[in-house]
C-alpha atoms as a PDB file:
ATOM      1  CA  MET A   1    -111.477 -32.419  67.896  1.00  0.00           C
ATOM      2  CA  VAL A   2    -108.101 -32.860  66.083  1.00  0.00           C
ATOM      3  CA  ARG A   3    -104.670 -32.812  68.240  1.00  0.00           C
ATOM      4  CA  THR A   4    -101.515 -31.717  67.461  1.00  0.00           C
ATOM      5  CA  LEU A   5     -98.144 -33.203  68.159  1.00  0.00           C
ATOM      6  CA  ALA A   6     -95.240 -31.467  68.963  1.00  0.00           C
ATOM      7  CA  ARG A   7     -91.828 -32.402  69.005  1.00  0.00           C
ATOM      8  CA  TRP A   8     -90.369 -31.827  72.296  1.00  0.00           C
ATOM      9  CA  ASP A   9     -86.506 -30.571  72.130  1.00  0.00           C
ATOM     10  CA  PRO A  10     -85.005 -31.241  76.377  1.00  0.00           C
ATOM     11  CA  PHE A  11     -82.151 -28.118  75.110  1.00  0.00           C
ATOM     12  CA  THR A  12     -85.070 -26.227  74.907  1.00  0.00           C
ATOM     13  CA  GLU A  13     -86.473 -26.902  78.194  1.00  0.00           C
ATOM     14  CA  ILE A  14     -82.310 -26.624  80.069  1.00  0.00           C
ATOM     15  CA  ALA A  15     -82.371 -22.473  77.983  1.00  0.00           C
ATOM     16  CA  ASN A  16     -85.316 -21.819  79.362  1.00  0.00           C
ATOM     17  CA  MET A  17     -84.924 -23.446  82.782  1.00  0.00           C
ATOM     18  CA  ARG A  18     -81.551 -20.710  82.663  1.00  0.00           C
ATOM     19  CA  SER A  19     -83.422 -17.294  81.964  1.00  0.00           C
ATOM     20  CA  ALA A  20     -85.665 -18.675  84.869  1.00  0.00           C
ATOM     21  CA  PHE A  21     -82.468 -19.282  87.394  1.00  0.00           C
ATOM     22  CA  ASP A  22     -80.624 -16.229  85.797  1.00  0.00           C
ATOM     23  CA  ARG A  23     -83.647 -13.793  86.262  1.00  0.00           C
ATOM     24  CA  MET A  24     -84.783 -15.304  89.702  1.00  0.00           C
ATOM     25  CA  PHE A  25     -80.389 -14.036  90.637  1.00  0.00           C
ATOM     26  CA  GLU A  26     -81.058 -11.211  89.725  1.00  0.00           C
ATOM     27  CA  GLN A  27     -84.224 -10.379  90.858  1.00  0.00           C
ATOM     28  CA  THR A  28     -83.088 -11.669  95.094  1.00  0.00           C
ATOM     29  CA  PHE A  29     -79.089 -10.315  93.751  1.00  0.00           C
ATOM     30  CA  PRO A  30     -79.441  -6.620  91.953  1.00  0.00           C
ATOM     31  CA  ARG A  31     -75.833  -5.236  92.846  1.00  0.00           C
ATOM     32  CA  LEU A  32     -74.636  -8.689  92.716  1.00  0.00           C
ATOM     33  CA  ALA A  33     -75.688  -9.855  89.191  1.00  0.00           C
ATOM     34  CA  ALA A  34     -74.437  -5.733  87.896  1.00  0.00           C
ATOM     35  CA  LEU A  35     -70.112  -6.683  88.750  1.00  0.00           C
ATOM     36  CA  ALA A  36     -70.807 -10.866  87.486  1.00  0.00           C
ATOM     37  CA  GLN A  37     -72.246  -9.176  84.049  1.00  0.00           C
ATOM     38  CA  ASN A  38     -69.617  -6.218  84.286  1.00  0.00           C
ATOM     39  CA  GLY A  39     -67.245  -8.599  84.544  1.00  0.00           C
ATOM     40  CA  ASP A  40     -66.055  -6.787  88.279  1.00  0.00           C
ATOM     41  CA  ASP A  41     -64.397  -7.920  91.528  1.00  0.00           C
ATOM     42  CA  LEU A  42     -66.927  -8.120  93.620  1.00  0.00           C
ATOM     43  CA  GLY A  43     -64.209  -6.355  95.974  1.00  0.00           C
ATOM     44  CA  SER A  44     -63.659  -3.239  93.760  1.00  0.00           C
ATOM     45  CA  LEU A  45     -64.489   0.215  94.416  1.00  0.00           C
ATOM     46  CA  THR A  46     -66.563   1.007  91.108  1.00  0.00           C
ATOM     47  CA  VAL A  47     -65.350   4.086  89.694  1.00  0.00           C
ATOM     48  CA  GLY A  48     -67.218   6.200  87.895  1.00  0.00           C
ATOM     49  CA  ILE A  49     -66.516   8.114  84.277  1.00  0.00           C
ATOM     50  CA  ASP A  50     -67.346  10.554  81.961  1.00  0.00           C
ATOM     51  CA  VAL A  51     -66.572  10.112  78.678  1.00  0.00           C
ATOM     52  CA  TYR A  52     -66.586  12.889  75.465  1.00  0.00           C
ATOM     53  CA  GLU A  53     -65.207  13.901  72.730  1.00  0.00           C
ATOM     54  CA  THR A  54     -63.595  17.301  71.073  1.00  0.00           C
ATOM     55  CA  PRO A  55     -62.042  18.342  67.822  1.00  0.00           C
ATOM     56  CA  SER A  56     -58.481  17.868  68.918  1.00  0.00           C
ATOM     57  CA  GLU A  57     -59.115  15.529  71.646  1.00  0.00           C
ATOM     58  CA  PHE A  58     -61.163  13.009  73.322  1.00  0.00           C
ATOM     59  CA  VAL A  59     -61.235  12.921  77.703  1.00  0.00           C
ATOM     60  CA  VAL A  60     -61.861  10.539  80.217  1.00  0.00           C
ATOM     61  CA  LYS A  61     -62.880  12.628  83.919  1.00  0.00           C
ATOM     62  CA  ALA A  62     -62.618   9.755  87.075  1.00  0.00           C
ATOM     63  CA  ALA A  63     -64.500  10.591  90.284  1.00  0.00           C
ATOM     64  CA  ILE A  64     -61.376   9.127  92.645  1.00  0.00           C
ATOM     65  CA  PRO A  65     -61.964  11.035  95.666  1.00  0.00           C
ATOM     66  CA  GLY A  66     -59.863  10.198  99.414  1.00  0.00           C
ATOM     67  CA  VAL A  67     -57.037   8.843  96.231  1.00  0.00           C
ATOM     68  CA  ASP A  68     -53.398   9.361  96.261  1.00  0.00           C
ATOM     69  CA  PRO A  69     -52.139  10.304  92.978  1.00  0.00           C
ATOM     70  CA  LYS A  70     -49.479   7.792  93.569  1.00  0.00           C
ATOM     71  CA  ASP A  71     -51.687   4.971  94.010  1.00  0.00           C
ATOM     72  CA  VAL A  72     -53.180   4.942  91.048  1.00  0.00           C
ATOM     73  CA  ASP A  73     -52.011   3.711  86.940  1.00  0.00           C
ATOM     74  CA  ILE A  74     -52.293   4.489  84.516  1.00  0.00           C
ATOM     75  CA  SER A  75     -52.094   2.557  80.969  1.00  0.00           C
ATOM     76  CA  VAL A  76     -52.873   1.695  77.599  1.00  0.00           C
ATOM     77  CA  GLU A  77     -52.231  -1.071  75.940  1.00  0.00           C
ATOM     78  CA  GLU A  78     -53.842  -1.824  71.830  1.00  0.00           C
ATOM     79  CA  ASP A  79     -56.243   0.894  72.432  1.00  0.00           C
ATOM     80  CA  VAL A  80     -57.443  -0.047  75.453  1.00  0.00           C
ATOM     81  CA  LEU A  81     -57.133   3.062  78.474  1.00  0.00           C
ATOM     82  CA  THR A  82     -57.102   1.061  81.802  1.00  0.00           C
ATOM     83  CA  ILE A  83     -57.065   3.526  85.219  1.00  0.00           C
ATOM     84  CA  LYS A  84     -55.715   1.560  88.488  1.00  0.00           C
ATOM     85  CA  GLY A  85     -55.245   1.675  91.683  1.00  0.00           C
ATOM     86  CA  GLU A  86     -56.167   1.615  96.007  1.00  0.00           C
ATOM     87  CA  SER A  87     -58.095   3.845  97.994  1.00  0.00           C
ATOM     88  CA  ARG A  88     -57.285   3.874 101.519  1.00  0.00           C
ATOM     89  CA  HIS A  89     -58.750   6.252 104.420  1.00  0.00           C
ATOM     90  CA  GLU A  90     -59.254   5.666 107.401  1.00  0.00           C
ATOM     91  CA  GLU A  91     -60.733   8.084 109.562  1.00  0.00           C
ATOM     92  CA  GLU A  92     -61.143   8.229 113.509  1.00  0.00           C
ATOM     93  CA  VAL A  93     -63.784  10.292 115.943  1.00  0.00           C
ATOM     94  CA  LYS A  94     -63.735  10.706 119.532  1.00  0.00           C
ATOM     95  CA  GLU A  95     -65.739  12.518 121.589  1.00  0.00           C
ATOM     96  CA  ASP A  96     -66.179  11.819 125.669  1.00  0.00           C
ATOM     97  CA  ALA A  97     -66.823   8.196 126.045  1.00  0.00           C
ATOM     98  CA  TYR A  98     -67.553   6.493 122.128  1.00  0.00           C
ATOM     99  CA  LEU A  99     -64.765   6.064 120.362  1.00  0.00           C
ATOM    100  CA  ARG A 100     -65.801   5.562 116.473  1.00  0.00           C
ATOM    101  CA  ARG A 101     -62.828   4.158 114.062  1.00  0.00           C
ATOM    102  CA  GLU A 102     -63.584   3.238 110.545  1.00  0.00           C
ATOM    103  CA  LEU A 103     -61.456   2.139 108.313  1.00  0.00           C
ATOM    104  CA  ARG A 104     -62.263   1.618 103.875  1.00  0.00           C
ATOM    105  CA  TYR A 105     -59.817   0.659 101.314  1.00  0.00           C
ATOM    106  CA  GLY A 106     -59.877  -1.640  98.669  1.00  0.00           C
ATOM    107  CA  SER A 107     -58.637  -1.427  94.535  1.00  0.00           C
ATOM    108  CA  PHE A 108     -60.527   0.177  91.454  1.00  0.00           C
ATOM    109  CA  HIS A 109     -59.783  -1.172  88.091  1.00  0.00           C
ATOM    110  CA  ARG A 110     -61.955   0.486  84.643  1.00  0.00           C
ATOM    111  CA  SER A 111     -61.062   0.232  81.550  1.00  0.00           C
ATOM    112  CA  LEU A 112     -62.922   0.996  78.301  1.00  0.00           C
ATOM    113  CA  ARG A 113     -61.415   0.486  74.129  1.00  0.00           C
ATOM    114  CA  LEU A 114     -60.592   3.451  72.607  1.00  0.00           C
ATOM    115  CA  PRO A 115     -61.434   4.032  68.934  1.00  0.00           C
ATOM    116  CA  PRO A 116     -57.424   3.808  66.888  1.00  0.00           C
ATOM    117  CA  THR A 117     -58.271   8.000  65.731  1.00  0.00           C
ATOM    118  CA  VAL A 118     -56.452   8.330  69.415  1.00  0.00           C
ATOM    119  CA  ASP A 119     -52.077   9.050  69.770  1.00  0.00           C
ATOM    120  CA  ALA A 120     -51.992   7.210  72.909  1.00  0.00           C
ATOM    121  CA  ASP A 121     -48.595   8.266  72.772  1.00  0.00           C
ATOM    122  CA  HIS A 122     -49.379  12.230  73.947  1.00  0.00           C
ATOM    123  CA  ALA A 123     -51.629  11.909  76.380  1.00  0.00           C
ATOM    124  CA  THR A 124     -51.733  13.519  79.523  1.00  0.00           C
ATOM    125  CA  ALA A 125     -53.038  13.321  83.200  1.00  0.00           C
ATOM    126  CA  SER A 126     -53.698  15.632  85.603  1.00  0.00           C
ATOM    127  CA  PHE A 127     -54.914  15.051  89.232  1.00  0.00           C
ATOM    128  CA  GLU A 128     -57.740  17.465  91.444  1.00  0.00           C
ATOM    129  CA  ASN A 129     -59.489  17.916  93.812  1.00  0.00           C
ATOM    130  CA  GLY A 130     -60.077  13.386  93.540  1.00  0.00           C
ATOM    131  CA  MET A 131     -61.440  14.252  89.518  1.00  0.00           C
ATOM    132  CA  LEU A 132     -59.325  12.333  87.315  1.00  0.00           C
ATOM    133  CA  LYS A 133     -58.947  14.245  84.334  1.00  0.00           C
ATOM    134  CA  VAL A 134     -56.881  11.584  80.850  1.00  0.00           C
ATOM    135  CA  GLN A 135     -56.883  13.903  77.543  1.00  0.00           C
ATOM    136  CA  LEU A 136     -56.188  11.696  74.591  1.00  0.00           C
ATOM    137  CA  PRO A 137     -55.476  14.016  71.838  1.00  0.00           C
ATOM    138  CA  LYS A 138     -56.256  13.080  68.295  1.00  0.00           C
ATOM    139  CA  LYS A 139     -54.260  11.701  65.500  1.00  0.00           C
ATOM    140  CA  PRO A 140     -53.345  14.521  63.131  1.00  0.00           C
ATOM    141  CA  GLU A 141     -55.310  11.835  59.857  1.00  0.00           C
ATOM    142  CA  ALA A 142     -58.155  11.751  62.486  1.00  0.00           C
ATOM    143  CA  LYS A 143     -59.168  15.657  63.169  1.00  0.00           C
ATOM    144  CA  ALA A 144     -61.910  17.479  60.398  1.00  0.00           C
ATOM    145  CA  ARG A 145     -60.319  19.029  57.868  1.00  0.00           C
ATOM    146  CA  SER A 146     -62.740  21.898  56.420  1.00  0.00           C
ATOM    147  CA  ILE A 147     -62.289  22.531  52.249  1.00  0.00           C
ATOM    148  CA  LYS A 148     -63.147  25.828  51.245  1.00  0.00           C
ATOM    149  CA  ILE A 149     -63.652  26.934  47.264  1.00  0.00           C
ATOM    150  CA  THR A 150     -62.914  30.358  46.416  1.00  0.00           C
ATOM    151  CA  PRO A 151     -64.357  32.750  44.959  1.00  0.00           C
ATOM    152  CA  GLN A 152     -62.285  31.535  41.497  1.00  0.00           C
ATOM    153  CA  GLY A 153     -63.809  28.619  41.716  1.00  0.00           C
ATOM    154  CA  VAL A 154     -61.462  26.583  42.992  1.00  0.00           C
ATOM    155  CA  ILE A 155     -60.999  24.079  45.587  1.00  0.00           C
ATOM    156  CA  GLU A 156     -58.061  25.438  48.218  1.00  0.00           C
ATOM    157  CA  GLY A 157     -55.711  21.973  48.736  1.00  0.00           C
ATOM    158  CA  ALA A 158     -57.457  19.845  45.957  1.00  0.00           C
ATOM    159  CA  GLY A 159     -54.998  21.602  43.776  1.00  0.00           C
ATOM    160  CA  ALA A 160     -57.890  20.724  40.656  1.00  0.00           C
ATOM    161  CA  SER A 161     -59.484  23.968  39.489  1.00  0.00           C
ATOM    162  CA  THR A 162     -63.268  23.682  37.126  1.00  0.00           C
ATOM    163  CA  ASN A 163     -62.234  27.255  35.083  1.00  0.00           C
ATOM    164  CA  SER A 164     -59.875  25.374  31.695  1.00  0.00           C
END
């Protein structure tokens, strides 16, 4: 019977313990684990966003129902779009001898890295029915251009001719 010696590495054991604790935490508290991984504050509200690109611009839509547009701050700094604000909602229901009152409030914050082709100086925003729409046009040099070949063999836009 042959036996081999294995070198013991205490740092590997510590890393394995850390991974086991992380998995246990993620399985026990999935929402808190997701918030911690995203770097969000546990007291912040979540803002759902859609981002899409057209030939001339990038569009970011954020769902922030029940929020007054004057309570929303939108900024672009060093190619990072930040949408933040505060939601305040009060509801009171009185029926017979029953009174129910709900106060919901909290701040929200969402940041998104933009490509360097965005012209942030000409960005616009609109707000309708709880949906924020931020339109970020592309810089002129970033827009796709097509080059057509003329029947005589001259390439437009290049100034070169294939005829001698």
